[in-house]
Amino acid sequence: MAQLPLKLAGTDYARFETFAAGDNAAVVDHLRAVAVGAADTLWLWGAAGCGKTHLLQAACHAAAAAGRRAMYVALDSADPAILVGLENVDLLALDNVERVARDATWERALFVILNELLPRGGLVLAAAVSAAGCGFGLPDLASRAGGAVSYRLKSLADADRAVALRLHAAARGLELEPAAADYLLKRVARDMAALAAWLDRLDRDSLIEQRRLTIPFIRERLANGPASGE
């Protein structure tokens, strides 16, 4: 089978190196191992903004860097047919699973994938709720999903969120002083997706205007409205 493309447009910075683990160190360690070949299936769940998507995409980047075939799929943005044949990849990351629960076509497709991959691992699923909480209509799918190793992701504390923001800034080659980082953290949505969107905008605008990421510069940008993705 040919190498599958890693379709992660706009997520080049979703790496393990830019994820502040905080209280989620155990799941990050386990996911790193799965990315490079550990024979496990993981179910990650938690509230919006806790880092599920980041971790799935980070695992795919790590797998691809190790020469493995990896694929990330946001189920609510795809068709069930996309899963056909994906049992042959080395690492398959499925996001937003709860959004397709109770859809008979999706559940049958998910059952095939879980039935194939659960025994050998290389599958990571993410949802807002636990496998049991998804309320799958297909009993066999519910049983298979319940066989995954489950981790509930905890939201980052403020100190860890500041660390994550600085990691993202450094990955973009940005110099973000602690005072400027704190200023931004106190004035935008608290989830990392929104913060990353703001960093992308600040990065672009600072290059265009040839200005540093000072508090006055950030204040001006905030006054112009939300960043794309916030």
Protein backbone atom coordinates (compact mmCIF):
# COMPACT_ATOMS: atom_id res chain seq x y z
CA MET A 1 0.00 0.00 0.00
CA ALA A 2 1.33 3.44 -0.93
CA GLN A 3 2.18 5.98 1.73
CA LEU A 4 -0.95 7.87 2.70
CA PRO A 5 -0.71 11.66 2.80
CA LEU A 6 -0.74 13.32 6.19
CA LYS A 7 -3.51 15.84 5.62
CA LEU A 8 -3.05 18.35 8.41
CA ALA A 9 -3.33 21.68 6.67
CA GLY A 10 -2.81 24.53 9.09
CA THR A 11 -1.63 22.26 11.89
CA ASP A 12 2.13 22.20 11.36
CA TYR A 13 2.59 23.29 14.98
CA ALA A 14 0.46 20.51 16.48
CA ARG A 15 3.45 18.54 17.76
CA PHE A 16 4.29 16.85 21.03
CA GLU A 17 6.95 19.52 21.48
CA THR A 18 4.32 22.28 21.54
CA PHE A 19 1.96 20.49 23.94
CA ALA A 20 2.17 21.48 27.60
CA ALA A 21 1.28 18.20 29.27
CA GLY A 22 0.43 19.51 32.73
CA ASP A 23 -1.63 16.81 34.43
CA ASN A 24 -1.82 14.84 31.17
CA ALA A 25 1.77 13.55 31.18
CA ALA A 26 0.72 9.88 31.37
CA VAL A 27 -1.47 10.04 28.27
CA VAL A 28 1.19 11.97 26.34
CA ASP A 29 3.80 9.32 27.16
CA HIS A 30 1.45 6.51 26.14
CA LEU A 31 0.46 8.28 22.93
CA ARG A 32 4.11 8.86 22.00
CA ALA A 33 4.67 5.12 22.35
CA VAL A 34 1.66 4.26 20.19
CA ALA A 35 2.83 6.72 17.53
CA VAL A 36 6.06 4.79 17.08
CA GLY A 37 4.63 1.30 17.28
CA ALA A 38 3.22 0.30 20.67
CA ALA A 39 0.35 -2.13 20.09
CA ASP A 40 -2.42 -0.24 21.87
CA THR A 41 -5.71 1.44 20.99
CA LEU A 42 -6.44 4.64 22.92
CA TRP A 43 -9.64 6.59 23.54
CA LEU A 44 -8.99 10.21 24.55
CA TRP A 45 -11.86 12.27 25.86
CA GLY A 46 -12.52 15.58 27.55
CA ALA A 47 -14.02 19.02 27.21
CA ALA A 48 -13.44 21.27 24.21
CA GLY A 49 -10.05 22.95 24.29
CA CYS A 50 -8.30 20.30 26.39
CA GLY A 51 -5.97 19.28 23.55
CA LYS A 52 -7.54 16.19 21.97
CA THR A 53 -7.08 17.32 18.37
CA HIS A 54 -3.57 18.61 19.04
CA LEU A 55 -2.52 15.25 20.48
CA LEU A 56 -4.02 13.21 17.64
CA GLN A 57 -2.24 15.34 15.08
CA ALA A 58 0.98 15.33 17.10
CA ALA A 59 0.88 11.53 17.12
CA CYS A 60 0.47 11.49 13.35
CA HIS A 61 3.40 13.86 12.89
CA ALA A 62 5.54 11.68 15.17
CA ALA A 63 4.53 8.52 13.33
CA ALA A 64 5.30 10.06 9.94
CA ALA A 65 8.69 11.26 11.22
CA ALA A 66 9.42 7.66 12.22
CA GLY A 67 8.67 6.51 8.67
CA ARG A 68 5.24 5.11 9.48
CA ARG A 69 1.99 5.59 7.56
CA ALA A 70 -0.31 7.91 9.48
CA MET A 71 -3.73 9.40 8.87
CA TYR A 72 -5.81 11.90 10.83
CA VAL A 73 -9.55 12.15 10.14
CA ALA A 74 -12.05 14.55 11.71
CA LEU A 75 -15.12 12.34 11.35
CA ASP A 76 -17.66 15.16 11.36
CA SER A 77 -15.93 16.69 8.32
CA ALA A 78 -15.74 13.50 6.28
CA ASP A 79 -17.81 10.75 4.72
CA PRO A 80 -17.89 7.20 6.16
CA ALA A 81 -16.35 5.91 2.94
CA ILE A 82 -13.07 7.57 3.93
CA LEU A 83 -12.46 4.78 6.44
CA VAL A 84 -12.42 2.06 3.77
CA GLY A 85 -8.92 0.63 3.61
CA LEU A 86 -7.54 2.66 6.50
CA GLU A 87 -7.13 -0.46 8.60
CA ASN A 88 -3.87 -0.86 6.66
CA VAL A 89 -2.19 2.29 7.98
CA ASP A 90 0.28 2.14 10.85
CA LEU A 91 -1.43 4.86 12.88
CA LEU A 92 -5.01 6.00 12.44
CA ALA A 93 -6.29 8.98 14.46
CA LEU A 94 -10.05 9.55 14.47
CA ASP A 95 -11.39 12.79 15.93
CA ASN A 96 -14.86 13.95 17.06
CA VAL A 97 -16.19 10.40 17.30
CA GLU A 98 -19.19 11.41 19.39
CA ARG A 99 -20.52 13.57 16.54
CA VAL A 100 -21.19 10.56 14.33
CA ALA A 101 -22.58 8.24 17.02
CA ARG A 102 -26.10 6.94 16.33
CA ASP A 103 -25.50 7.33 12.58
CA ALA A 104 -25.91 3.76 11.31
CA THR A 105 -23.58 4.16 8.31
CA TRP A 106 -20.83 5.71 10.40
CA GLU A 107 -21.22 3.12 13.16
CA ARG A 108 -20.84 0.23 10.72
CA ALA A 109 -17.69 1.83 9.27
CA LEU A 110 -16.27 2.43 12.74
CA PHE A 111 -17.02 -1.14 13.76
CA VAL A 112 -14.99 -2.48 10.82
CA ILE A 113 -12.03 -0.27 11.78
CA LEU A 114 -12.17 -1.16 15.47
CA ASN A 115 -12.63 -4.82 14.73
CA GLU A 116 -9.49 -4.80 12.57
CA LEU A 117 -7.25 -2.53 14.62
CA LEU A 118 -8.17 -3.22 18.23
CA PRO A 119 -6.19 -6.51 18.32
CA ARG A 120 -3.01 -4.97 16.87
CA GLY A 121 -3.25 -1.34 18.01
CA GLY A 122 -2.23 1.73 16.08
CA LEU A 123 -5.61 3.38 16.56
CA VAL A 124 -6.36 6.53 18.55
CA LEU A 125 -9.87 7.93 18.92
CA ALA A 126 -10.95 11.21 20.48
CA ALA A 127 -14.34 12.41 21.65
CA ALA A 128 -15.93 14.84 24.05
CA VAL A 129 -17.19 11.90 26.11
CA SER A 130 -16.06 8.42 27.11
CA ALA A 131 -16.73 5.45 24.85
CA ALA A 132 -19.63 4.43 27.08
CA GLY A 133 -20.96 7.99 26.98
CA CYS A 134 -21.18 8.07 23.19
CA GLY A 135 -24.36 6.00 23.25
CA PHE A 136 -23.54 3.90 20.21
CA GLY A 137 -26.59 2.20 18.74
CA LEU A 138 -24.59 -0.79 17.49
CA PRO A 139 -23.91 -3.03 20.49
CA ASP A 140 -20.83 -4.65 18.92
CA LEU A 141 -19.32 -1.21 18.25
CA ALA A 142 -19.94 -0.17 21.86
CA SER A 143 -18.22 -3.35 23.01
CA ARG A 144 -15.19 -2.81 20.77
CA ALA A 145 -14.88 0.87 21.73
CA GLY A 146 -14.97 -0.13 25.38
CA GLY A 147 -11.87 -2.24 24.78
CA ALA A 148 -9.67 0.80 24.13
CA VAL A 149 -7.44 2.21 26.85
CA SER A 150 -9.33 5.30 27.99
CA TYR A 151 -7.85 8.60 29.17
CA ARG A 152 -9.79 11.64 30.29
CA LEU A 153 -7.78 14.74 29.42
CA LYS A 154 -7.68 17.47 32.03
CA SER A 155 -7.84 21.13 31.08
CA LEU A 156 -4.63 23.06 31.51
CA ALA A 157 -4.05 25.20 34.57
CA ASP A 158 -3.23 28.83 33.88
CA ALA A 159 0.48 28.27 34.45
CA ASP A 160 0.53 25.36 31.99
CA ARG A 161 -1.44 27.40 29.45
CA ALA A 162 1.24 30.09 29.63
CA VAL A 163 3.90 27.43 29.02
CA ALA A 164 1.93 26.12 26.03
CA LEU A 165 1.61 29.61 24.57
CA ARG A 166 5.34 30.19 24.81
CA LEU A 167 6.04 26.77 23.24
CA HIS A 168 3.79 27.63 20.31
CA ALA A 169 5.42 31.03 19.94
CA ALA A 170 8.92 29.51 19.97
CA ALA A 171 7.89 26.94 17.34
CA ARG A 172 6.91 29.84 15.08
CA GLY A 173 10.19 31.62 15.74
CA LEU A 174 8.42 34.37 17.69
CA GLU A 175 9.84 36.22 20.66
CA LEU A 176 7.01 36.52 23.14
CA GLU A 177 8.03 38.10 26.43
CA PRO A 178 6.32 36.74 29.57
CA ALA A 179 4.46 40.02 30.13
CA ALA A 180 3.13 40.00 26.57
CA ALA A 181 2.12 36.35 26.89
CA ASP A 182 0.25 37.07 30.12
CA TYR A 183 -1.48 40.04 28.50
CA LEU A 184 -2.72 37.86 25.63
CA LEU A 185 -3.79 35.02 27.92
CA LYS A 186 -5.98 37.34 29.97
CA ARG A 187 -7.81 38.77 26.96
CA VAL A 188 -8.64 35.94 24.56
CA ALA A 189 -10.48 32.62 24.78
CA ARG A 190 -8.70 30.21 27.10
CA ASP A 191 -8.51 27.20 24.77
CA MET A 192 -5.31 26.54 22.84
CA ALA A 193 -7.03 26.55 19.44
CA ALA A 194 -7.97 30.21 19.93
CA LEU A 195 -4.54 31.08 21.30
CA ALA A 196 -2.83 29.36 18.36
CA ALA A 197 -5.07 31.29 15.95
CA TRP A 198 -3.99 34.53 17.60
CA LEU A 199 -0.33 33.57 17.37
CA ASP A 200 -0.75 32.90 13.65
CA ARG A 201 -2.34 36.32 13.18
CA LEU A 202 0.28 38.10 15.28
CA ASP A 203 3.04 36.28 13.42
CA ARG A 204 1.65 37.39 10.06
CA ASP A 205 0.96 40.99 11.12
CA SER A 206 4.33 41.42 12.83
CA LEU A 207 6.10 40.29 9.66
CA ILE A 208 4.07 42.66 7.49
CA GLU A 209 4.60 45.63 9.79
CA GLN A 210 8.09 44.64 10.93
CA ARG A 211 7.13 45.03 14.58
CA ARG A 212 7.91 43.04 17.71
CA LEU A 213 5.21 41.33 19.76
CA THR A 214 4.94 44.00 22.41
CA ILE A 215 1.89 44.67 24.55
CA PRO A 216 0.97 47.82 22.55
CA PHE A 217 1.17 45.83 19.30
CA ILE A 218 -0.97 43.00 20.71
CA ARG A 219 -3.45 45.55 22.09
CA GLU A 220 -3.86 47.06 18.59
CA ARG A 221 -4.52 43.67 17.03
CA LEU A 222 -7.05 42.72 19.72
CA ALA A 223 -8.92 45.94 19.03
CA ASN A 224 -9.37 44.87 15.40
CA GLY A 225 -11.52 41.88 16.29
CA PRO A 226 -11.14 38.11 16.75
CA ALA A 227 -8.54 36.02 14.99
CA SER A 228 -9.65 33.42 12.45
CA GLY A 229 -10.50 30.22 14.34
CA GLU A 230 -11.29 31.95 17.65
